[in-house]
PDB file of all heavy atoms in Angstrom:
ATOM      1  N   LEU A   1      -2.244  -7.892   1.704  1.00  0.00           N
ATOM      2  CA  LEU A   1      -2.218  -6.748   2.611  1.00  0.00           C
ATOM      3  C   LEU A   1      -3.474  -5.880   2.484  1.00  0.00           C
ATOM      4  O   LEU A   1      -3.648  -4.924   3.243  1.00  0.00           O
ATOM      5  CB  LEU A   1      -0.979  -5.895   2.345  1.00  0.00           C
ATOM      6  CG  LEU A   1       0.336  -6.460   2.886  1.00  0.00           C
ATOM      7  CD1 LEU A   1       1.526  -5.782   2.220  1.00  0.00           C
ATOM      8  CD2 LEU A   1       0.409  -6.311   4.399  1.00  0.00           C
ATOM      9  N   GLY A   2      -4.337  -6.210   1.536  1.00  0.00           N
ATOM     10  CA  GLY A   2      -5.574  -5.451   1.364  1.00  0.00           C
ATOM     11  C   GLY A   2      -5.400  -4.128   0.669  1.00  0.00           C
ATOM     12  O   GLY A   2      -6.241  -3.228   0.801  1.00  0.00           O
ATOM     13  N   MET A   3      -4.325  -3.975  -0.110  1.00  0.00           N
ATOM     14  CA  MET A   3      -4.054  -2.692  -0.764  1.00  0.00           C
ATOM     15  C   MET A   3      -5.055  -2.365  -1.872  1.00  0.00           C
ATOM     16  O   MET A   3      -5.185  -1.204  -2.260  1.00  0.00           O
ATOM     17  CB  MET A   3      -2.633  -2.698  -1.334  1.00  0.00           C
ATOM     18  CG  MET A   3      -1.545  -2.629  -0.288  1.00  0.00           C
ATOM     19  SD  MET A   3       0.088  -2.528  -1.072  1.00  0.00           S
ATOM     20  CE  MET A   3       1.132  -2.351   0.382  1.00  0.00           C
ATOM     21  N   PHE A   4      -5.739  -3.391  -2.378  1.00  0.00           N
ATOM     22  CA  PHE A   4      -6.701  -3.169  -3.460  1.00  0.00           C
ATOM     23  C   PHE A   4      -8.128  -3.449  -2.985  1.00  0.00           C
ATOM     24  O   PHE A   4      -9.027  -3.661  -3.798  1.00  0.00           O
ATOM     25  CB  PHE A   4      -6.351  -4.051  -4.663  1.00  0.00           C
ATOM     26  CG  PHE A   4      -4.941  -3.865  -5.149  1.00  0.00           C
ATOM     27  CD1 PHE A   4      -3.943  -4.772  -4.803  1.00  0.00           C
ATOM     28  CD2 PHE A   4      -4.593  -2.769  -5.923  1.00  0.00           C
ATOM     29  CE1 PHE A   4      -2.646  -4.604  -5.236  1.00  0.00           C
ATOM     30  CE2 PHE A   4      -3.293  -2.580  -6.358  1.00  0.00           C
ATOM     31  CZ  PHE A   4      -2.308  -3.500  -6.013  1.00  0.00           C
ATOM     32  N   ALA A   5      -8.318  -3.465  -1.665  1.00  0.00           N
ATOM     33  CA  ALA A   5      -9.619  -3.812  -1.093  1.00  0.00           C
ATOM     34  C   ALA A   5     -10.300  -2.586  -0.508  1.00  0.00           C
ATOM     35  O   ALA A   5      -9.650  -1.611  -0.114  1.00  0.00           O
ATOM     36  CB  ALA A   5      -9.446  -4.873  -0.010  1.00  0.00           C
ATOM     37  N   ASP A   6     -11.613  -2.637  -0.427  1.00  0.00           N
ATOM     38  CA  ASP A   6     -12.364  -1.555   0.216  1.00  0.00           C
ATOM     39  C   ASP A   6     -13.027  -2.022   1.512  1.00  0.00           C
ATOM     40  O   ASP A   6     -13.865  -1.324   2.080  1.00  0.00           O
ATOM     41  CB  ASP A   6     -13.412  -0.980  -0.740  1.00  0.00           C
ATOM     42  CG  ASP A   6     -14.371  -2.040  -1.284  1.00  0.00           C
ATOM     43  OD1 ASP A   6     -14.355  -3.181  -0.768  1.00  0.00           O
ATOM     44  OD2 ASP A   6     -15.131  -1.732  -2.224  1.00  0.00           O
ATOM     45  N   ASP A   7     -12.645  -3.218   1.965  1.00  0.00           N
ATOM     46  CA  ASP A   7     -13.214  -3.742   3.209  1.00  0.00           C
ATOM     47  C   ASP A   7     -12.124  -4.094   4.224  1.00  0.00           C
ATOM     48  O   ASP A   7     -12.299  -4.985   5.059  1.00  0.00           O
ATOM     49  CB  ASP A   7     -14.067  -4.981   2.924  1.00  0.00           C
ATOM     50  CG  ASP A   7     -13.252  -6.148   2.348  1.00  0.00           C
ATOM     51  OD1 ASP A   7     -12.138  -5.904   1.845  1.00  0.00           O
ATOM     52  OD2 ASP A   7     -13.738  -7.296   2.433  1.00  0.00           O
ATOM     53  N   ASN A   8     -11.010  -3.381   4.173  1.00  0.00           N
ATOM     54  CA  ASN A   8      -9.870  -3.687   5.042  1.00  0.00           C
ATOM     55  C   ASN A   8     -10.007  -2.930   6.367  1.00  0.00           C
ATOM     56  O   ASN A   8      -9.863  -1.702   6.414  1.00  0.00           O
ATOM     57  CB  ASN A   8      -8.562  -3.296   4.339  1.00  0.00           C
ATOM     58  CG  ASN A   8      -7.332  -3.792   5.079  1.00  0.00           C
ATOM     59  OD1 ASN A   8      -7.412  -4.220   6.232  1.00  0.00           O
ATOM     60  ND2 ASN A   8      -6.197  -3.732   4.423  1.00  0.00           N
ATOM     61  N   GLU A   9     -10.278  -3.675   7.421  1.00  0.00           N
ATOM     62  CA  GLU A   9     -10.487  -3.048   8.724  1.00  0.00           C
ATOM     63  C   GLU A   9      -9.243  -2.316   9.226  1.00  0.00           C
ATOM     64  O   GLU A   9      -9.337  -1.352   9.993  1.00  0.00           O
ATOM     65  CB  GLU A   9     -10.899  -4.099   9.759  1.00  0.00           C
ATOM     66  CG  GLU A   9      -9.855  -5.200   9.979  1.00  0.00           C
ATOM     67  CD  GLU A   9     -10.281  -6.205  11.030  1.00  0.00           C
ATOM     68  OE1 GLU A   9     -10.902  -5.788  12.028  1.00  0.00           O
ATOM     69  OE2 GLU A   9      -9.992  -7.398  10.843  1.00  0.00           O
ATOM     70  N   TYR A  10      -8.069  -2.752   8.766  1.00  0.00           N
ATOM     71  CA  TYR A  10      -6.839  -2.110   9.233  1.00  0.00           C
ATOM     72  C   TYR A  10      -6.676  -0.695   8.684  1.00  0.00           C
ATOM     73  O   TYR A  10      -5.887   0.087   9.211  1.00  0.00           O
ATOM     74  CB  TYR A  10      -5.625  -2.954   8.847  1.00  0.00           C
ATOM     75  CG  TYR A  10      -5.638  -4.353   9.434  1.00  0.00           C
ATOM     76  CD1 TYR A  10      -5.312  -5.457   8.650  1.00  0.00           C
ATOM     77  CD2 TYR A  10      -5.982  -4.566  10.767  1.00  0.00           C
ATOM     78  CE1 TYR A  10      -5.323  -6.736   9.180  1.00  0.00           C
ATOM     79  CE2 TYR A  10      -6.004  -5.850  11.306  1.00  0.00           C
ATOM     80  CZ  TYR A  10      -5.672  -6.927  10.499  1.00  0.00           C
ATOM     81  OH  TYR A  10      -5.686  -8.196  11.025  1.00  0.00           O
ATOM     82  N   ASP A  11      -7.419  -0.362   7.642  1.00  0.00           N
ATOM     83  CA  ASP A  11      -7.368   1.000   7.105  1.00  0.00           C
ATOM     84  C   ASP A  11      -7.915   2.020   8.093  1.00  0.00           C
ATOM     85  O   ASP A  11      -7.699   3.226   7.935  1.00  0.00           O
ATOM     86  CB  ASP A  11      -8.176   1.088   5.802  1.00  0.00           C
ATOM     87  CG  ASP A  11      -7.525   0.335   4.654  1.00  0.00           C
ATOM     88  OD1 ASP A  11      -6.322   0.017   4.759  1.00  0.00           O
ATOM     89  OD2 ASP A  11      -8.221   0.054   3.654  1.00  0.00           O
ATOM     90  N   GLN A  12      -8.614   1.535   9.111  1.00  0.00           N
ATOM     91  CA  GLN A  12      -9.246   2.442  10.080  1.00  0.00           C
ATOM     92  C   GLN A  12      -8.395   2.668  11.324  1.00  0.00           C
ATOM     93  O   GLN A  12      -8.802   3.416  12.217  1.00  0.00           O
ATOM     94  CB  GLN A  12     -10.617   1.879  10.493  1.00  0.00           C
ATOM     95  CG  GLN A  12     -11.530   1.525   9.326  1.00  0.00           C
ATOM     96  CD  GLN A  12     -11.699   2.659   8.337  1.00  0.00           C
ATOM     97  OE1 GLN A  12     -11.920   3.805   8.739  1.00  0.00           O
ATOM     98  NE2 GLN A  12     -11.594   2.342   7.048  1.00  0.00           N
ATOM     99  N   ILE A  13      -7.230   2.023  11.423  1.00  0.00           N
ATOM    100  CA  ILE A  13      -6.381   2.214  12.607  1.00  0.00           C
ATOM    101  C   ILE A  13      -5.888   3.656  12.635  1.00  0.00           C
ATOM    102  O   ILE A  13      -5.248   4.117  11.683  1.00  0.00           O
ATOM    103  CB  ILE A  13      -5.193   1.236  12.604  1.00  0.00           C
ATOM    104  CG1 ILE A  13      -5.698  -0.212  12.702  1.00  0.00           C
ATOM    105  CG2 ILE A  13      -4.235   1.534  13.751  1.00  0.00           C
ATOM    106  CD1 ILE A  13      -4.605  -1.260  12.612  1.00  0.00           C
ATOM    107  N   PRO A  14      -6.173   4.402  13.699  1.00  0.00           N
ATOM    108  CA  PRO A  14      -5.841   5.833  13.725  1.00  0.00           C
ATOM    109  C   PRO A  14      -4.384   6.099  14.098  1.00  0.00           C
ATOM    110  O   PRO A  14      -3.742   5.291  14.769  1.00  0.00           O
ATOM    111  CB  PRO A  14      -6.778   6.378  14.799  1.00  0.00           C
ATOM    112  CG  PRO A  14      -6.929   5.233  15.757  1.00  0.00           C
ATOM    113  CD  PRO A  14      -6.926   3.987  14.893  1.00  0.00           C
ATOM    114  N   TYR A  15      -3.910   7.239  13.669  1.00  0.00           N
ATOM    115  CA  TYR A  15      -2.529   7.651  13.952  1.00  0.00           C
ATOM    116  C   TYR A  15      -2.262   7.733  15.451  1.00  0.00           C
ATOM    117  O   TYR A  15      -1.141   7.511  15.914  1.00  0.00           O
ATOM    118  CB  TYR A  15      -2.270   9.004  13.294  1.00  0.00           C
ATOM    119  CG  TYR A  15      -0.871   9.535  13.500  1.00  0.00           C
ATOM    120  CD1 TYR A  15       0.197   9.005  12.773  1.00  0.00           C
ATOM    121  CD2 TYR A  15      -0.611  10.552  14.413  1.00  0.00           C
ATOM    122  CE1 TYR A  15       1.489   9.485  12.944  1.00  0.00           C
ATOM    123  CE2 TYR A  15       0.673  11.036  14.596  1.00  0.00           C
ATOM    124  CZ  TYR A  15       1.718  10.503  13.864  1.00  0.00           C
ATOM    125  OH  TYR A  15       3.000  10.978  14.048  1.00  0.00           O
ATOM    126  N   GLU A  16      -3.290   8.033  16.241  1.00  0.00           N
ATOM    127  CA  GLU A  16      -3.129   8.270  17.672  1.00  0.00           C
ATOM    128  C   GLU A  16      -2.648   7.056  18.460  1.00  0.00           C
ATOM    129  O   GLU A  16      -2.225   7.194  19.619  1.00  0.00           O
ATOM    130  CB  GLU A  16      -4.454   8.774  18.265  1.00  0.00           C
ATOM    131  CG  GLU A  16      -4.767  10.228  17.941  1.00  0.00           C
ATOM    132  CD  GLU A  16      -5.121  10.449  16.476  1.00  0.00           C
ATOM    133  OE1 GLU A  16      -5.540   9.464  15.810  1.00  0.00           O
ATOM    134  OE2 GLU A  16      -4.977  11.589  15.995  1.00  0.00           O
ATOM    135  N   VAL A  17      -2.717   5.844  17.863  1.00  0.00           N
ATOM    136  CA  VAL A  17      -2.262   4.673  18.614  1.00  0.00           C
ATOM    137  C   VAL A  17      -0.742   4.644  18.762  1.00  0.00           C
ATOM    138  O   VAL A  17      -0.219   3.921  19.617  1.00  0.00           O
ATOM    139  CB  VAL A  17      -2.731   3.355  17.956  1.00  0.00           C
ATOM    140  CG1 VAL A  17      -4.241   3.312  17.838  1.00  0.00           C
ATOM    141  CG2 VAL A  17      -2.073   3.151  16.599  1.00  0.00           C
ATOM    142  N   ASN A  18      -0.028   5.420  17.953  1.00  0.00           N
ATOM    143  CA  ASN A  18       1.430   5.414  18.027  1.00  0.00           C
ATOM    144  C   ASN A  18       1.914   5.864  19.403  1.00  0.00           C
ATOM    145  O   ASN A  18       1.500   6.913  19.904  1.00  0.00           O
ATOM    146  CB  ASN A  18       2.023   6.347  16.963  1.00  0.00           C
ATOM    147  CG  ASN A  18       2.035   5.695  15.605  1.00  0.00           C
ATOM    148  OD1 ASN A  18       2.750   4.723  15.389  1.00  0.00           O
ATOM    149  ND2 ASN A  18       1.217   6.202  14.701  1.00  0.00           N
ATOM    150  N   ALA A  19       2.811   5.056  19.985  1.00  0.00           N
ATOM    151  CA  ALA A  19       3.414   5.380  21.276  1.00  0.00           C
ATOM    152  C   ALA A  19       2.354   5.723  22.323  1.00  0.00           C
ATOM    153  O   ALA A  19       2.540   6.625  23.145  1.00  0.00           O
ATOM    154  CB  ALA A  19       4.410   6.535  21.120  1.00  0.00           C
ATOM    155  N   SER A  20       1.243   4.993  22.304  1.00  0.00           N
ATOM    156  CA  SER A  20       0.189   5.202  23.299  1.00  0.00           C
ATOM    157  C   SER A  20       0.675   4.740  24.671  1.00  0.00           C
ATOM    158  O   SER A  20       1.672   4.022  24.792  1.00  0.00           O
ATOM    159  CB  SER A  20      -1.058   4.415  22.913  1.00  0.00           C
ATOM    160  OG  SER A  20      -0.804   3.015  22.988  1.00  0.00           O
ATOM    161  N   ALA A  21      -0.033   5.139  25.700  1.00  0.00           N
ATOM    162  CA  ALA A  21       0.346   4.752  27.065  1.00  0.00           C
ATOM    163  C   ALA A  21       0.349   3.235  27.221  1.00  0.00           C
ATOM    164  O   ALA A  21       1.231   2.672  27.884  1.00  0.00           O
ATOM    165  CB  ALA A  21      -0.624   5.392  28.064  1.00  0.00           C
ATOM    166  N   GLU A  22      -0.608   2.574  26.587  1.00  0.00           N
ATOM    167  CA  GLU A  22      -0.676   1.114  26.664  1.00  0.00           C
ATOM    168  C   GLU A  22       0.538   0.471  26.001  1.00  0.00           C
ATOM    169  O   GLU A  22       1.122  -0.481  26.523  1.00  0.00           O
ATOM    170  CB  GLU A  22      -1.955   0.632  25.987  1.00  0.00           C
ATOM    171  CG  GLU A  22      -2.144  -0.880  26.012  1.00  0.00           C
ATOM    172  CD  GLU A  22      -3.381  -1.324  25.260  1.00  0.00           C
ATOM    173  OE1 GLU A  22      -4.083  -0.454  24.692  1.00  0.00           O
ATOM    174  OE2 GLU A  22      -3.642  -2.537  25.211  1.00  0.00           O
ATOM    175  N   HIS A  23       0.938   0.994  24.856  1.00  0.00           N
ATOM    176  CA  HIS A  23       2.088   0.454  24.147  1.00  0.00           C
ATOM    177  C   HIS A  23       3.382   0.710  24.914  1.00  0.00           C
ATOM    178  O   HIS A  23       4.264  -0.157  24.980  1.00  0.00           O
ATOM    179  CB  HIS A  23       2.175   1.065  22.748  1.00  0.00           C
ATOM    180  CG  HIS A  23       1.046   0.675  21.853  1.00  0.00           C
ATOM    181  ND1 HIS A  23       0.924   1.122  20.543  1.00  0.00           N
ATOM    182  CD2 HIS A  23      -0.032  -0.137  22.063  1.00  0.00           C
ATOM    183  CE1 HIS A  23      -0.167   0.611  20.008  1.00  0.00           C
ATOM    184  NE2 HIS A  23      -0.767  -0.149  20.909  1.00  0.00           N
ATOM    185  N   GLU A  24       3.498   1.894  25.492  1.00  0.00           N
ATOM    186  CA  GLU A  24       4.692   2.216  26.272  1.00  0.00           C
ATOM    187  C   GLU A  24       4.797   1.320  27.511  1.00  0.00           C
ATOM    188  O   GLU A  24       5.891   0.910  27.909  1.00  0.00           O
ATOM    189  CB  GLU A  24       4.681   3.688  26.687  1.00  0.00           C
ATOM    190  CG  GLU A  24       4.734   4.683  25.537  1.00  0.00           C
ATOM    191  CD  GLU A  24       6.090   4.754  24.864  1.00  0.00           C
ATOM    192  OE1 GLU A  24       7.041   4.122  25.353  1.00  0.00           O
ATOM    193  OE2 GLU A  24       6.201   5.449  23.840  1.00  0.00           O
ATOM    194  N   ALA A  25       3.660   0.996  28.094  1.00  0.00           N
ATOM    195  CA  ALA A  25       3.656   0.105  29.262  1.00  0.00           C
ATOM    196  C   ALA A  25       4.160  -1.281  28.884  1.00  0.00           C
ATOM    197  O   ALA A  25       4.867  -1.936  29.670  1.00  0.00           O
ATOM    198  CB  ALA A  25       2.253   0.024  29.858  1.00  0.00           C
ATOM    199  N   LEU A  26       3.809  -1.743  27.686  1.00  0.00           N
ATOM    200  CA  LEU A  26       4.293  -3.046  27.229  1.00  0.00           C
ATOM    201  C   LEU A  26       5.799  -3.012  26.999  1.00  0.00           C
ATOM    202  O   LEU A  26       6.501  -3.991  27.277  1.00  0.00           O
ATOM    203  CB  LEU A  26       3.570  -3.468  25.953  1.00  0.00           C
ATOM    204  CG  LEU A  26       3.926  -4.851  25.417  1.00  0.00           C
ATOM    205  CD1 LEU A  26       3.546  -5.943  26.417  1.00  0.00           C
ATOM    206  CD2 LEU A  26       3.245  -5.109  24.069  1.00  0.00           C
ATOM    207  N   SER A  27       6.315  -1.893  26.501  1.00  0.00           N
ATOM    208  CA  SER A  27       7.759  -1.749  26.317  1.00  0.00           C
ATOM    209  C   SER A  27       8.487  -1.862  27.651  1.00  0.00           C
ATOM    210  O   SER A  27       9.519  -2.535  27.759  1.00  0.00           O
ATOM    211  CB  SER A  27       8.082  -0.406  25.654  1.00  0.00           C
ATOM    212  OG  SER A  27       9.483  -0.220  25.551  1.00  0.00           O
ATOM    213  N   LEU A  28       7.951  -1.216  28.684  1.00  0.00           N
ATOM    214  CA  LEU A  28       8.548  -1.318  30.018  1.00  0.00           C
ATOM    215  C   LEU A  28       8.502  -2.754  30.522  1.00  0.00           C
ATOM    216  O   LEU A  28       9.494  -3.281  31.057  1.00  0.00           O
ATOM    217  CB  LEU A  28       7.822  -0.385  30.985  1.00  0.00           C
ATOM    218  CG  LEU A  28       8.213  -0.504  32.468  1.00  0.00           C
ATOM    219  CD1 LEU A  28       9.703  -0.221  32.669  1.00  0.00           C
ATOM    220  CD2 LEU A  28       7.354   0.421  33.326  1.00  0.00           C
ATOM    221  N   LYS A  29       7.375  -3.410  30.346  1.00  0.00           N
ATOM    222  CA  LYS A  29       7.228  -4.807  30.788  1.00  0.00           C
ATOM    223  C   LYS A  29       8.236  -5.702  30.079  1.00  0.00           C
ATOM    224  O   LYS A  29       8.882  -6.564  30.711  1.00  0.00           O
ATOM    225  CB  LYS A  29       5.804  -5.279  30.502  1.00  0.00           C
ATOM    226  CG  LYS A  29       5.513  -6.719  30.889  1.00  0.00           C
ATOM    227  CD  LYS A  29       4.070  -7.074  30.543  1.00  0.00           C
ATOM    228  CE  LYS A  29       3.741  -8.516  30.879  1.00  0.00           C
ATOM    229  NZ  LYS A  29       2.323  -8.851  30.510  1.00  0.00           N
ATOM    230  N   ALA A  30       8.410  -5.503  28.774  1.00  0.00           N
ATOM    231  CA  ALA A  30       9.371  -6.305  28.016  1.00  0.00           C
ATOM    232  C   ALA A  30      10.788  -6.060  28.504  1.00  0.00           C
ATOM    233  O   ALA A  30      11.594  -6.995  28.610  1.00  0.00           O
ATOM    234  CB  ALA A  30       9.255  -5.988  26.528  1.00  0.00           C
ATOM    235  N   ALA A  31      11.107  -4.812  28.803  1.00  0.00           N
ATOM    236  CA  ALA A  31      12.445  -4.495  29.304  1.00  0.00           C
ATOM    237  C   ALA A  31      12.704  -5.176  30.640  1.00  0.00           C
ATOM    238  O   ALA A  31      13.782  -5.741  30.867  1.00  0.00           O
ATOM    239  CB  ALA A  31      12.603  -2.980  29.436  1.00  0.00           C
ATOM    240  N   GLU A  32      11.720  -5.145  31.521  1.00  0.00           N
ATOM    241  CA  GLU A  32      11.873  -5.787  32.829  1.00  0.00           C
ATOM    242  C   GLU A  32      12.127  -7.281  32.686  1.00  0.00           C
ATOM    243  O   GLU A  32      12.935  -7.859  33.423  1.00  0.00           O
ATOM    244  CB  GLU A  32      10.623  -5.538  33.678  1.00  0.00           C
ATOM    245  CG  GLU A  32      10.446  -4.094  34.116  1.00  0.00           C
ATOM    246  CD  GLU A  32       9.095  -3.824  34.757  1.00  0.00           C
ATOM    247  OE1 GLU A  32       8.175  -4.660  34.594  1.00  0.00           O
ATOM    248  OE2 GLU A  32       8.941  -2.776  35.398  1.00  0.00           O
TER     249      GLU A  32
END
């Protein structure tokens, strides 16, 4: 999982992606 690494690109994923408009649109598509 890269917990002991200093080159983990996933460490840079920002909090703002949560429930973004793009993600919500995918939820609607999946429901349909």
